[in-house]
Structure formats: C-alpha cells, structure tokens
PDB file of N, CA and C in Angstrom:
ATOM      1  N   UNK A   1      61.252  94.800 124.426  1.00  0.00           N
ATOM      2  CA  UNK A   1      62.499  95.391 124.882  1.00  0.00           C
ATOM      3  C   UNK A   1      63.581  95.097 123.834  1.00  0.00           C
ATOM      4  N   UNK A   2      64.364  96.088 123.500  1.00  0.00           N
ATOM      5  CA  UNK A   2      65.421  95.904 122.503  1.00  0.00           C
ATOM      6  C   UNK A   2      66.656  95.303 123.146  1.00  0.00           C
ATOM      7  N   UNK A   3      67.567  94.867 122.298  1.00  0.00           N
ATOM      8  CA  UNK A   3      68.854  94.319 122.768  1.00  0.00           C
ATOM      9  C   UNK A   3      69.567  95.366 123.616  1.00  0.00           C
ATOM     10  N   UNK A   4      69.534  96.607 123.134  1.00  0.00           N
ATOM     11  CA  UNK A   4      70.216  97.708 123.838  1.00  0.00           C
ATOM     12  C   UNK A   4      69.588  97.905 125.222  1.00  0.00           C
ATOM     13  N   UNK A   5      68.242  97.897 125.291  1.00  0.00           N
ATOM     14  CA  UNK A   5      67.567  98.085 126.556  1.00  0.00           C
ATOM     15  C   UNK A   5      67.903  96.984 127.542  1.00  0.00           C
ATOM     16  N   UNK A   6      67.963  95.749 127.050  1.00  0.00           N
ATOM     17  CA  UNK A   6      68.286  94.618 127.901  1.00  0.00           C
ATOM     18  C   UNK A   6      69.672  94.797 128.525  1.00  0.00           C
ATOM     19  N   UNK A   7      70.633  95.159 127.694  1.00  0.00           N
ATOM     20  CA  UNK A   7      72.006  95.312 128.187  1.00  0.00           C
ATOM     21  C   UNK A   7      72.098  96.459 129.194  1.00  0.00           C
ATOM     22  N   UNK A   8      71.399  97.562 128.869  1.00  0.00           N
ATOM     23  CA  UNK A   8      71.419  98.702 129.769  1.00  0.00           C
ATOM     24  C   UNK A   8      70.734  98.380 131.091  1.00  0.00           C
ATOM     25  N   UNK A   9      69.618  97.649 131.011  1.00  0.00           N
ATOM     26  CA  UNK A   9      68.884  97.274 132.231  1.00  0.00           C
ATOM     27  C   UNK A   9      69.719  96.344 133.095  1.00  0.00           C
ATOM     28  N   UNK A  10      70.396  95.414 132.459  1.00  0.00           N
ATOM     29  CA  UNK A  10      71.233  94.485 133.203  1.00  0.00           C
ATOM     30  C   UNK A  10      72.498  95.157 133.729  1.00  0.00           C
ATOM     31  N   UNK A  11      72.907  96.230 133.064  1.00  0.00           N
ATOM     32  CA  UNK A  11      74.116  96.928 133.471  1.00  0.00           C
ATOM     33  C   UNK A  11      75.361  96.085 133.272  1.00  0.00           C
ATOM     34  N   UNK A  12      75.284  95.119 132.381  1.00  0.00           N
ATOM     35  CA  UNK A  12      76.406  94.196 132.220  1.00  0.00           C
ATOM     36  C   UNK A  12      77.324  94.656 131.113  1.00  0.00           C
ATOM     37  N   UNK A  13      78.618  94.669 131.416  1.00  0.00           N
ATOM     38  CA  UNK A  13      79.602  94.990 130.401  1.00  0.00           C
ATOM     39  C   UNK A  13      79.757  93.780 129.481  1.00  0.00           C
ATOM     40  N   UNK A  14      79.818  94.043 128.177  1.00  0.00           N
ATOM     41  CA  UNK A  14      79.994  92.990 127.188  1.00  0.00           C
ATOM     42  C   UNK A  14      81.300  93.197 126.439  1.00  0.00           C
ATOM     43  N   UNK A  15      81.854  92.087 125.952  1.00  0.00           N
ATOM     44  CA  UNK A  15      83.029  92.159 125.116  1.00  0.00           C
ATOM     45  C   UNK A  15      82.819  91.246 123.908  1.00  0.00           C
ATOM     46  N   UNK A  16      83.582  91.496 122.855  1.00  0.00           N
ATOM     47  CA  UNK A  16      83.435  90.718 121.634  1.00  0.00           C
ATOM     48  C   UNK A  16      84.812  90.229 121.177  1.00  0.00           C
ATOM     49  N   UNK A  17      84.828  89.057 120.569  1.00  0.00           N
ATOM     50  CA  UNK A  17      86.059  88.531 119.961  1.00  0.00           C
ATOM     51  C   UNK A  17      85.689  87.751 118.714  1.00  0.00           C
ATOM     52  N   UNK A  18      86.679  87.570 117.859  1.00  0.00           N
ATOM     53  CA  UNK A  18      86.486  86.856 116.598  1.00  0.00           C
ATOM     54  C   UNK A  18      87.407  85.644 116.553  1.00  0.00           C
ATOM     55  N   UNK A  19      86.858  84.516 116.140  1.00  0.00           N
ATOM     56  CA  UNK A  19      87.662  83.313 115.928  1.00  0.00           C
ATOM     57  C   UNK A  19      88.149  83.343 114.479  1.00  0.00           C
ATOM     58  N   UNK A  20      89.375  83.776 114.270  1.00  0.00           N
ATOM     59  CA  UNK A  20      89.912  83.908 112.915  1.00  0.00           C
ATOM     60  C   UNK A  20      89.994  82.574 112.172  1.00  0.00           C
ATOM     61  N   UNK A  21      90.037  81.462 112.906  1.00  0.00           N
ATOM     62  CA  UNK A  21      90.063  80.153 112.248  1.00  0.00           C
ATOM     63  C   UNK A  21      88.778  79.890 111.470  1.00  0.00           C
ATOM     64  N   UNK A  22      87.686  80.549 111.855  1.00  0.00           N
ATOM     65  CA  UNK A  22      86.408  80.361 111.192  1.00  0.00           C
ATOM     66  C   UNK A  22      86.014  81.537 110.291  1.00  0.00           C
ATOM     67  N   UNK A  23      86.780  82.616 110.362  1.00  0.00           N
ATOM     68  CA  UNK A  23      86.444  83.834 109.613  1.00  0.00           C
ATOM     69  C   UNK A  23      86.533  83.572 108.104  1.00  0.00           C
ATOM     70  N   UNK A  24      85.491  83.994 107.391  1.00  0.00           N
ATOM     71  CA  UNK A  24      85.453  83.816 105.937  1.00  0.00           C
ATOM     72  C   UNK A  24      85.907  85.071 105.193  1.00  0.00           C
ATOM     73  N   UNK A  25      86.142  86.157 105.929  1.00  0.00           N
ATOM     74  CA  UNK A  25      86.626  87.389 105.317  1.00  0.00           C
ATOM     75  C   UNK A  25      85.577  88.141 104.507  1.00  0.00           C
ATOM     76  N   UNK A  26      84.299  87.876 104.759  1.00  0.00           N
ATOM     77  CA  UNK A  26      83.224  88.562 104.028  1.00  0.00           C
ATOM     78  C   UNK A  26      83.159  90.040 104.369  1.00  0.00           C
ATOM     79  N   UNK A  27      83.547  90.420 105.557  1.00  0.00           N
ATOM     80  CA  UNK A  27      83.570  91.831 105.934  1.00  0.00           C
ATOM     81  C   UNK A  27      82.228  92.387 106.364  1.00  0.00           C
ATOM     82  N   UNK A  28      81.243  91.525 106.570  1.00  0.00           N
ATOM     83  CA  UNK A  28      79.930  92.007 107.021  1.00  0.00           C
ATOM     84  C   UNK A  28      80.057  92.735 108.356  1.00  0.00           C
ATOM     85  N   UNK A  29      80.888  92.197 109.240  1.00  0.00           N
ATOM     86  CA  UNK A  29      81.062  92.811 110.547  1.00  0.00           C
ATOM     87  C   UNK A  29      81.596  94.234 110.434  1.00  0.00           C
ATOM     88  N   UNK A  30      82.577  94.427 109.562  1.00  0.00           N
ATOM     89  CA  UNK A  30      83.162  95.764 109.374  1.00  0.00           C
ATOM     90  C   UNK A  30      82.156  96.726 108.741  1.00  0.00           C
ATOM     91  N   UNK A  31      81.214  96.187 107.980  1.00  0.00           N
ATOM     92  CA  UNK A  31      80.152  97.047 107.421  1.00  0.00           C
ATOM     93  C   UNK A  31      79.183  97.479 108.504  1.00  0.00           C
ATOM     94  N   UNK A  32      78.805  96.550 109.375  1.00  0.00           N
ATOM     95  CA  UNK A  32      77.857  96.854 110.461  1.00  0.00           C
ATOM     96  C   UNK A  32      78.480  97.778 111.512  1.00  0.00           C
ATOM     97  N   UNK A  33      79.698  97.463 111.929  1.00  0.00           N
ATOM     98  CA  UNK A  33      80.319  98.184 113.061  1.00  0.00           C
ATOM     99  C   UNK A  33      81.793  98.434 112.780  1.00  0.00           C
ATOM    100  N   UNK A  34      82.113  99.386 111.877  1.00  0.00           N
ATOM    101  CA  UNK A  34      83.521  99.636 111.538  1.00  0.00           C
ATOM    102  C   UNK A  34      84.319 100.185 112.724  1.00  0.00           C
ATOM    103  N   UNK A  35      83.629 100.677 113.744  1.00  0.00           N
ATOM    104  CA  UNK A  35      84.335 101.169 114.954  1.00  0.00           C
ATOM    105  C   UNK A  35      84.876 100.021 115.773  1.00  0.00           C
ATOM    106  N   UNK A  36      84.325  98.806 115.558  1.00  0.00           N
ATOM    107  CA  UNK A  36      84.677  97.653 116.383  1.00  0.00           C
ATOM    108  C   UNK A  36      85.460  96.600 115.588  1.00  0.00           C
ATOM    109  N   UNK A  37      85.125  96.439 114.292  1.00  0.00           N
ATOM    110  CA  UNK A  37      85.732  95.395 113.452  1.00  0.00           C
ATOM    111  C   UNK A  37      86.466  95.997 112.276  1.00  0.00           C
ATOM    112  N   UNK A  38      87.511  95.271 111.829  1.00  0.00           N
ATOM    113  CA  UNK A  38      88.265  95.699 110.656  1.00  0.00           C
ATOM    114  C   UNK A  38      88.877  94.477 109.982  1.00  0.00           C
ATOM    115  N   UNK A  39      88.903  94.479 108.657  1.00  0.00           N
ATOM    116  CA  UNK A  39      89.595  93.443 107.916  1.00  0.00           C
ATOM    117  C   UNK A  39      91.066  93.831 107.807  1.00  0.00           C
ATOM    118  N   UNK A  40      91.938  92.880 108.032  1.00  0.00           N
ATOM    119  CA  UNK A  40      93.374  93.141 107.948  1.00  0.00           C
ATOM    120  C   UNK A  40      93.874  92.719 106.557  1.00  0.00           C
ATOM    121  N   UNK A  41      95.138  92.943 106.311  1.00  0.00           N
ATOM    122  CA  UNK A  41      95.756  92.628 105.022  1.00  0.00           C
ATOM    123  C   UNK A  41      95.660  91.129 104.719  1.00  0.00           C
ATOM    124  N   UNK A  42      95.540  90.282 105.761  1.00  0.00           N
ATOM    125  CA  UNK A  42      95.416  88.836 105.544  1.00  0.00           C
ATOM    126  C   UNK A  42      93.998  88.441 105.114  1.00  0.00           C
ATOM    127  N   UNK A  43      93.081  89.428 105.035  1.00  0.00           N
ATOM    128  CA  UNK A  43      91.725  89.162 104.584  1.00  0.00           C
ATOM    129  C   UNK A  43      90.782  88.701 105.669  1.00  0.00           C
ATOM    130  N   UNK A  44      91.248  88.648 106.914  1.00  0.00           N
ATOM    131  CA  UNK A  44      90.426  88.201 108.021  1.00  0.00           C
ATOM    132  C   UNK A  44      89.998  89.391 108.887  1.00  0.00           C
ATOM    133  N   UNK A  45      88.896  89.232 109.601  1.00  0.00           N
ATOM    134  CA  UNK A  45      88.395  90.282 110.482  1.00  0.00           C
ATOM    135  C   UNK A  45      89.018  90.161 111.861  1.00  0.00           C
ATOM    136  N   UNK A  46      89.214  91.335 112.472  1.00  0.00           N
ATOM    137  CA  UNK A  46      89.738  91.431 113.823  1.00  0.00           C
ATOM    138  C   UNK A  46      88.949  92.510 114.576  1.00  0.00           C
ATOM    139  N   UNK A  47      88.961  92.435 115.897  1.00  0.00           N
ATOM    140  CA  UNK A  47      88.371  93.492 116.687  1.00  0.00           C
ATOM    141  C   UNK A  47      89.401  94.604 116.879  1.00  0.00           C
ATOM    142  N   UNK A  48      88.898  95.795 117.187  1.00  0.00           N
ATOM    143  CA  UNK A  48      89.750  96.938 117.425  1.00  0.00           C
ATOM    144  C   UNK A  48      89.580  97.408 118.878  1.00  0.00           C
ATOM    145  N   UNK A  49      90.666  97.920 119.429  1.00  0.00           N
ATOM    146  CA  UNK A  49      90.613  98.448 120.799  1.00  0.00           C
ATOM    147  C   UNK A  49      89.815  99.752 120.784  1.00  0.00           C
ATOM    148  N   UNK A  50      89.419 100.220 121.974  1.00  0.00           N
ATOM    149  CA  UNK A  50      88.684 101.495 122.034  1.00  0.00           C
ATOM    150  C   UNK A  50      89.445 102.665 121.419  1.00  0.00           C
ATOM    151  N   UNK A  51      90.770 102.585 121.361  1.00  0.00           N
ATOM    152  CA  UNK A  51      91.525 103.652 120.708  1.00  0.00           C
ATOM    153  C   UNK A  51      91.944 103.284 119.280  1.00  0.00           C
ATOM    154  N   UNK A  52      91.151 102.406 118.634  1.00  0.00           N
ATOM    155  CA  UNK A  52      91.221 102.120 117.209  1.00  0.00           C
ATOM    156  C   UNK A  52      92.424 101.280 116.778  1.00  0.00           C
ATOM    157  N   UNK A  53      93.038 100.578 117.713  1.00  0.00           N
ATOM    158  CA  UNK A  53      94.186  99.704 117.385  1.00  0.00           C
ATOM    159  C   UNK A  53      93.680  98.319 117.030  1.00  0.00           C
ATOM    160  N   UNK A  54      94.173  97.755 115.936  1.00  0.00           N
ATOM    161  CA  UNK A  54      93.801  96.403 115.501  1.00  0.00           C
ATOM    162  C   UNK A  54      94.389  95.400 116.488  1.00  0.00           C
ATOM    163  N   UNK A  55      93.547  94.522 117.033  1.00  0.00           N
ATOM    164  CA  UNK A  55      94.004  93.533 118.006  1.00  0.00           C
ATOM    165  C   UNK A  55      94.121  92.180 117.321  1.00  0.00           C
ATOM    166  N   UNK A  56      95.337  91.763 117.060  1.00  0.00           N
ATOM    167  CA  UNK A  56      95.587  90.563 116.260  1.00  0.00           C
ATOM    168  C   UNK A  56      95.942  89.332 117.061  1.00  0.00           C
ATOM    169  N   UNK A  57      96.044  89.449 118.375  1.00  0.00           N
ATOM    170  CA  UNK A  57      96.332  88.275 119.197  1.00  0.00           C
ATOM    171  C   UNK A  57      95.134  87.327 119.182  1.00  0.00           C
ATOM    172  N   UNK A  58      95.406  86.035 119.148  1.00  0.00           N
ATOM    173  CA  UNK A  58      94.333  85.041 119.131  1.00  0.00           C
ATOM    174  C   UNK A  58      93.451  85.213 120.368  1.00  0.00           C
ATOM    175  N   UNK A  59      92.139  85.316 120.145  1.00  0.00           N
ATOM    176  CA  UNK A  59      91.195  85.464 121.246  1.00  0.00           C
ATOM    177  C   UNK A  59      91.122  86.850 121.844  1.00  0.00           C
ATOM    178  N   UNK A  60      91.757  87.851 121.206  1.00  0.00           N
ATOM    179  CA  UNK A  60      91.726  89.229 121.721  1.00  0.00           C
ATOM    180  C   UNK A  60      90.279  89.715 121.782  1.00  0.00           C
ATOM    181  N   UNK A  61      89.956  90.360 122.881  1.00  0.00           N
ATOM    182  CA  UNK A  61      88.603  90.907 123.054  1.00  0.00           C
ATOM    183  C   UNK A  61      88.641  92.425 123.106  1.00  0.00           C
ATOM    184  N   UNK A  62      87.495  93.017 122.856  1.00  0.00           N
ATOM    185  CA  UNK A  62      87.330  94.462 122.992  1.00  0.00           C
ATOM    186  C   UNK A  62      85.972  94.723 123.593  1.00  0.00           C
ATOM    187  N   UNK A  63      85.836  95.799 124.371  1.00  0.00           N
ATOM    188  CA  UNK A  63      84.523  96.117 124.934  1.00  0.00           C
ATOM    189  C   UNK A  63      83.518  96.456 123.838  1.00  0.00           C
ATOM    190  N   UNK A  64      82.257  96.125 124.094  1.00  0.00           N
ATOM    191  CA  UNK A  64      81.172  96.495 123.176  1.00  0.00           C
ATOM    192  C   UNK A  64      80.561  97.780 123.690  1.00  0.00           C
ATOM    193  N   UNK A  65      80.766  98.918 122.979  1.00  0.00           N
ATOM    194  CA  UNK A  65      80.163 100.162 123.427  1.00  0.00           C
ATOM    195  C   UNK A  65      78.634 100.068 123.291  1.00  0.00           C
ATOM    196  N   UNK A  66      77.904 100.494 124.308  1.00  0.00           N
ATOM    197  CA  UNK A  66      76.460 100.370 124.324  1.00  0.00           C
ATOM    198  C   UNK A  66      75.805 100.947 123.066  1.00  0.00           C
ATOM    199  N   UNK A  67      76.241 102.129 122.583  1.00  0.00           N
ATOM    200  CA  UNK A  67      75.599 102.651 121.358  1.00  0.00           C
ATOM    201  C   UNK A  67      75.783 101.765 120.134  1.00  0.00           C
ATOM    202  N   UNK A  68      76.783 100.883 120.152  1.00  0.00           N
ATOM    203  CA  UNK A  68      77.061 100.017 119.008  1.00  0.00           C
ATOM    204  C   UNK A  68      76.593  98.577 119.237  1.00  0.00           C
ATOM    205  N   UNK A  69      75.922  98.327 120.356  1.00  0.00           N
ATOM    206  CA  UNK A  69      75.540  96.953 120.712  1.00  0.00           C
ATOM    207  C   UNK A  69      74.697  96.300 119.618  1.00  0.00           C
ATOM    208  N   UNK A  70      73.706  96.994 119.121  1.00  0.00           N
ATOM    209  CA  UNK A  70      72.828  96.404 118.115  1.00  0.00           C
ATOM    210  C   UNK A  70      73.622  96.037 116.857  1.00  0.00           C
ATOM    211  N   UNK A  71      74.554  96.926 116.440  1.00  0.00           N
ATOM    212  CA  UNK A  71      75.371  96.656 115.250  1.00  0.00           C
ATOM    213  C   UNK A  71      76.285  95.453 115.476  1.00  0.00           C
ATOM    214  N   UNK A  72      76.842  95.326 116.674  1.00  0.00           N
ATOM    215  CA  UNK A  72      77.725  94.207 116.987  1.00  0.00           C
ATOM    216  C   UNK A  72      76.926  92.915 117.005  1.00  0.00           C
ATOM    217  N   UNK A  73      75.748  92.939 117.615  1.00  0.00           N
ATOM    218  CA  UNK A  73      74.891  91.748 117.667  1.00  0.00           C
ATOM    219  C   UNK A  73      74.440  91.354 116.259  1.00  0.00           C
ATOM    220  N   UNK A  74      74.061  92.338 115.446  1.00  0.00           N
ATOM    221  CA  UNK A  74      73.699  92.042 114.055  1.00  0.00           C
ATOM    222  C   UNK A  74      74.870  91.426 113.294  1.00  0.00           C
ATOM    223  N   UNK A  75      76.066  91.905 113.562  1.00  0.00           N
ATOM    224  CA  UNK A  75      77.269  91.318 112.942  1.00  0.00           C
ATOM    225  C   UNK A  75      77.386  89.855 113.296  1.00  0.00           C
ATOM    226  N   UNK A  76      77.207  89.534 114.572  1.00  0.00           N
ATOM    227  CA  UNK A  76      77.307  88.150 115.031  1.00  0.00           C
ATOM    228  C   UNK A  76      76.227  87.276 114.363  1.00  0.00           C
ATOM    229  N   UNK A  77      75.010  87.835 114.257  1.00  0.00           N
ATOM    230  CA  UNK A  77      73.894  87.076 113.659  1.00  0.00           C
ATOM    231  C   UNK A  77      74.074  86.827 112.163  1.00  0.00           C
ATOM    232  N   UNK A  78      74.632  87.820 111.467  1.00  0.00           N
ATOM    233  CA  UNK A  78      74.749  87.752 110.010  1.00  0.00           C
ATOM    234  C   UNK A  78      76.056  87.126 109.524  1.00  0.00           C
ATOM    235  N   UNK A  79      77.008  86.929 110.403  1.00  0.00           N
ATOM    236  CA  UNK A  79      78.336  86.422 110.021  1.00  0.00           C
ATOM    237  C   UNK A  79      78.232  85.037 109.391  1.00  0.00           C
ATOM    238  N   UNK A  80      78.648  84.883 108.124  1.00  0.00           N
ATOM    239  CA  UNK A  80      78.555  83.567 107.478  1.00  0.00           C
ATOM    240  C   UNK A  80      79.517  82.544 108.087  1.00  0.00           C
ATOM    241  N   UNK A  81      80.566  82.988 108.745  1.00  0.00           N
ATOM    242  CA  UNK A  81      81.503  82.057 109.361  1.00  0.00           C
ATOM    243  C   UNK A  81      81.155  81.686 110.784  1.00  0.00           C
ATOM    244  N   UNK A  82      80.097  82.309 111.325  1.00  0.00           N
ATOM    245  CA  UNK A  82      79.727  82.088 112.738  1.00  0.00           C
ATOM    246  C   UNK A  82      80.942  82.187 113.637  1.00  0.00           C
ATOM    247  N   UNK A  83      81.701  83.272 113.476  1.00  0.00           N
ATOM    248  CA  UNK A  83      82.959  83.395 114.215  1.00  0.00           C
ATOM    249  C   UNK A  83      82.988  84.566 115.199  1.00  0.00           C
ATOM    250  N   UNK A  84      81.882  85.304 115.331  1.00  0.00           N
ATOM    251  CA  UNK A  84      81.839  86.460 116.219  1.00  0.00           C
ATOM    252  C   UNK A  84      81.144  86.061 117.508  1.00  0.00           C
ATOM    253  N   UNK A  85      81.820  86.299 118.629  1.00  0.00           N
ATOM    254  CA  UNK A  85      81.359  85.888 119.940  1.00  0.00           C
ATOM    255  C   UNK A  85      81.210  87.114 120.831  1.00  0.00           C
ATOM    256  N   UNK A  86      80.027  87.320 121.396  1.00  0.00           N
ATOM    257  CA  UNK A  86      79.769  88.416 122.338  1.00  0.00           C
ATOM    258  C   UNK A  86      79.475  87.764 123.682  1.00  0.00           C
ATOM    259  N   UNK A  87      80.226  88.176 124.701  1.00  0.00           N
ATOM    260  CA  UNK A  87      80.031  87.564 126.009  1.00  0.00           C
ATOM    261  C   UNK A  87      80.066  88.614 127.110  1.00  0.00           C
ATOM    262  N   UNK A  88      79.484  88.227 128.251  1.00  0.00           N
ATOM    263  CA  UNK A  88      79.523  89.093 129.432  1.00  0.00           C
ATOM    264  C   UNK A  88      80.935  89.084 129.974  1.00  0.00           C
ATOM    265  N   UNK A  89      81.398  90.244 130.387  1.00  0.00           N
ATOM    266  CA  UNK A  89      82.738  90.333 130.958  1.00  0.00           C
ATOM    267  C   UNK A  89      82.793  89.637 132.318  1.00  0.00           C
ATOM    268  N   UNK A  90      81.737  89.822 133.119  1.00  0.00           N
ATOM    269  CA  UNK A  90      81.733  89.313 134.499  1.00  0.00           C
ATOM    270  C   UNK A  90      81.953  87.811 134.601  1.00  0.00           C
ATOM    271  N   UNK A  91      81.240  87.038 133.770  1.00  0.00           N
ATOM    272  CA  UNK A  91      81.356  85.578 133.902  1.00  0.00           C
ATOM    273  C   UNK A  91      81.775  84.883 132.608  1.00  0.00           C
ATOM    274  N   UNK A  92      82.069  85.671 131.572  1.00  0.00           N
ATOM    275  CA  UNK A  92      82.551  85.177 130.279  1.00  0.00           C
ATOM    276  C   UNK A  92      81.538  84.243 129.583  1.00  0.00           C
ATOM    277  N   UNK A  93      80.274  84.386 129.888  1.00  0.00           N
ATOM    278  CA  UNK A  93      79.230  83.602 129.267  1.00  0.00           C
ATOM    279  C   UNK A  93      78.828  84.284 127.946  1.00  0.00           C
ATOM    280  N   UNK A  94      78.821  83.510 126.863  1.00  0.00           N
ATOM    281  CA  UNK A  94      78.453  84.032 125.570  1.00  0.00           C
ATOM    282  C   UNK A  94      76.955  84.316 125.508  1.00  0.00           C
ATOM    283  N   UNK A  95      76.612  85.539 125.135  1.00  0.00           N
ATOM    284  CA  UNK A  95      75.194  85.932 125.061  1.00  0.00           C
ATOM    285  C   UNK A  95      74.717  86.089 123.618  1.00  0.00           C
ATOM    286  N   UNK A  96      75.618  86.307 122.685  1.00  0.00           N
ATOM    287  CA  UNK A  96      75.309  86.370 121.257  1.00  0.00           C
ATOM    288  C   UNK A  96      76.441  85.684 120.515  1.00  0.00           C
ATOM    289  N   UNK A  97      76.085  84.926 119.491  1.00  0.00           N
ATOM    290  CA  UNK A  97      77.098  84.230 118.709  1.00  0.00           C
ATOM    291  C   UNK A  97      76.803  82.738 118.664  1.00  0.00           C
ATOM    292  N   UNK A  98      77.687  81.971 118.037  1.00  0.00           N
ATOM    293  CA  UNK A  98      77.412  80.548 117.809  1.00  0.00           C
ATOM    294  C   UNK A  98      77.339  79.711 119.088  1.00  0.00           C
ATOM    295  N   UNK A  99      77.981  80.156 120.172  1.00  0.00           N
ATOM    296  CA  UNK A  99      77.962  79.372 121.407  1.00  0.00           C
ATOM    297  C   UNK A  99      76.974  79.906 122.450  1.00  0.00           C
ATOM    298  N   UNK A 100      76.133  80.863 122.056  1.00  0.00           N
ATOM    299  CA  UNK A 100      75.169  81.441 122.997  1.00  0.00           C
ATOM    300  C   UNK A 100      74.097  80.405 123.337  1.00  0.00           C
ATOM    301  N   UNK A 101      73.699  80.405 124.604  1.00  0.00           N
ATOM    302  CA  UNK A 101      72.702  79.433 125.055  1.00  0.00           C
ATOM    303  C   UNK A 101      71.314  79.792 124.578  1.00  0.00           C
TER     304      UNK A 101
END
C-alpha cells in the first residue's frame, strides 16, 4: 500500500509545517512540491496556503493536498535540516518528519 493509499483509506486530513530554526535553505522541499513549499528572500523555506500565499508566521501550517502527499512526504524524508513536519489535523500527531513515531 502506498503512502497515498494509506492516507486515503484512513480518510485523515494532514497538515505540514516547517521549523525555520532548523531550515538549511537547500530548497529540496520546493523542488519536490512547489505548490506547498517556497523559499523566501531570507533563504528559508515556508509553507504556502491553498491560495498560494506564503505563510511566514512561526509554526504556520497548511493542508497537504492528497495528490501531493507523496511529494510532501518525500520532502520531509529528504530534508537535510529535518525541519518538515507532517501531522494529522485531528490529533496533531506527527506521521512523517523528525518527530514521527
């Protein structure tokens, strides 16, 4: 079963956020999922809202669109700063990222 299938089967909404204190500015996330991540002028990555607005507040989250789930998860796995966190909206438990169980 793929990551996408698991999320669809569970029917769980997921959200993603970036810890800018750990961000190395490599931009891997923006390469994997430019619809969700973007590097700002400060050289750090941020999540974007569903209407493409850069969310710069500390701990800002954005929904993970199901078609982009694999790209977002790959971003979290490949991030050299281990700063991308994907969690369930319902209980805020991290399912992908450095704090995932």
